[in-house]
Protein backbone atom coordinates (compact mmCIF):
# COMPACT_ATOMS: atom_id res chain seq x y z
CA MET A 1 109.99 99.42 103.76
CA ASN A 2 108.81 96.16 105.29
CA PRO A 3 105.53 96.33 107.16
CA GLN A 4 105.67 95.46 110.86
CA LYS A 5 102.41 94.50 112.55
CA LEU A 6 101.77 96.70 115.58
CA THR A 7 100.57 95.57 118.98
CA ASP A 8 97.40 97.01 120.47
CA LYS A 9 99.55 99.15 122.77
CA GLN A 10 101.60 100.50 119.85
CA ILE A 11 98.42 101.30 117.93
CA THR A 12 96.91 103.12 120.93
CA GLU A 13 100.10 105.17 121.36
CA ALA A 14 100.24 106.01 117.65
CA ILE A 15 96.58 107.03 117.46
CA ALA A 16 97.17 109.45 120.33
CA GLN A 17 99.41 111.34 117.89
CA LEU A 18 96.93 111.13 114.98
CA PRO A 19 93.99 113.45 115.57
CA GLU A 20 90.59 112.05 114.52
CA TRP A 21 91.86 108.57 113.61
CA LYS A 22 90.38 105.56 115.39
CA VAL A 23 90.30 101.81 115.01
CA VAL A 24 87.10 100.47 113.43
CA ASN A 25 86.76 96.78 112.57
CA GLY A 26 90.51 96.27 112.92
CA LYS A 27 91.44 99.13 110.57
CA LEU A 28 92.62 102.69 111.08
CA ASN A 29 89.67 104.86 110.12
CA ARG A 30 88.99 108.53 109.60
CA ALA A 31 86.14 110.46 108.00
CA PHE A 32 86.57 113.77 106.19
CA LYS A 33 83.98 116.30 105.04
CA PHE A 34 84.61 118.92 102.37
CA ASP A 35 82.65 121.80 100.87
CA SER A 36 82.10 120.03 97.55
CA PHE A 37 82.59 116.84 95.59
CA VAL A 38 85.50 118.43 93.70
CA GLU A 39 87.32 119.22 96.95
CA ALA A 40 86.75 115.69 98.20
CA PHE A 41 87.99 114.18 94.95
CA THR A 42 91.02 116.48 94.88
CA PHE A 43 91.90 115.32 98.39
CA MET A 44 91.53 111.69 97.35
CA THR A 45 93.86 112.31 94.41
CA LYS A 46 96.50 113.82 96.72
CA VAL A 47 96.18 110.82 99.04
CA ALA A 48 96.50 108.49 96.04
CA PHE A 49 99.81 110.09 95.01
CA ALA A 50 101.19 109.86 98.56
CA ALA A 51 100.06 106.24 98.84
CA GLU A 52 101.57 105.32 95.49
CA LYS A 53 104.97 106.68 96.59
CA MET A 54 104.76 104.41 99.63
CA VAL A 55 103.36 101.49 97.60
CA HIS A 56 100.73 101.24 100.33
CA HIS A 57 97.15 101.87 99.33
CA PRO A 58 94.11 102.90 101.39
CA GLU A 59 90.51 101.83 101.15
CA PHE A 60 88.49 104.87 100.02
CA PHE A 61 84.76 105.43 100.38
CA ASN A 62 83.34 108.58 98.80
CA VAL A 63 79.86 110.02 98.63
CA TYR A 64 79.61 113.59 97.35
CA ASN A 65 81.64 115.72 99.81
CA ARG A 66 82.52 112.96 102.26
CA VAL A 67 85.53 110.68 102.22
CA VAL A 68 86.14 107.80 104.59
CA ILE A 69 89.57 106.18 104.64
CA ASP A 70 90.44 102.79 106.13
CA LEU A 71 94.04 101.68 106.50
CA THR A 72 95.22 98.14 107.09
CA THR A 73 98.12 96.02 105.89
CA HIS A 74 96.96 92.80 104.32
CA ASP A 75 100.50 91.35 104.31
CA VAL A 76 100.53 91.33 108.15
CA ASP A 77 96.79 90.87 108.63
CA GLY A 78 96.43 94.00 110.74
CA ILE A 79 97.60 97.53 111.34
CA SER A 80 101.27 98.14 110.61
CA ASN A 81 103.83 100.90 110.74
CA LEU A 82 102.95 101.68 107.10
CA ASP A 83 99.36 102.47 108.08
CA ILE A 84 100.54 104.87 110.78
CA ASP A 85 102.97 106.54 108.35
CA LEU A 86 100.28 106.94 105.69
CA ALA A 87 97.76 108.28 108.23
CA GLN A 88 100.30 110.95 109.21
CA LYS A 89 100.87 111.88 105.57
CA ILE A 90 97.10 112.11 105.07
CA ASN A 91 96.79 114.39 108.11
CA ASP A 92 99.55 116.58 106.68
CA LEU A 93 97.53 117.05 103.47
């Protein structure tokens, strides 16, 4: 799938359908909190497998039971349809 850079309006409309996601520093961003480090790491592993299938990889930040994910598409220098698709897959996890 070829990434298509989204307009600000498209991003706003998409985020309305993605609970808890927001734009921070030009990237889709969401923070997660789990009961333990193992649960956080398990979640990151599931996200990694979903991302690998899409050949579209997130930026992960993890400290103990917290995971922060940023999504952006470097090929289009912004947020693309791939970021929205991956955010939805992450929400489904």
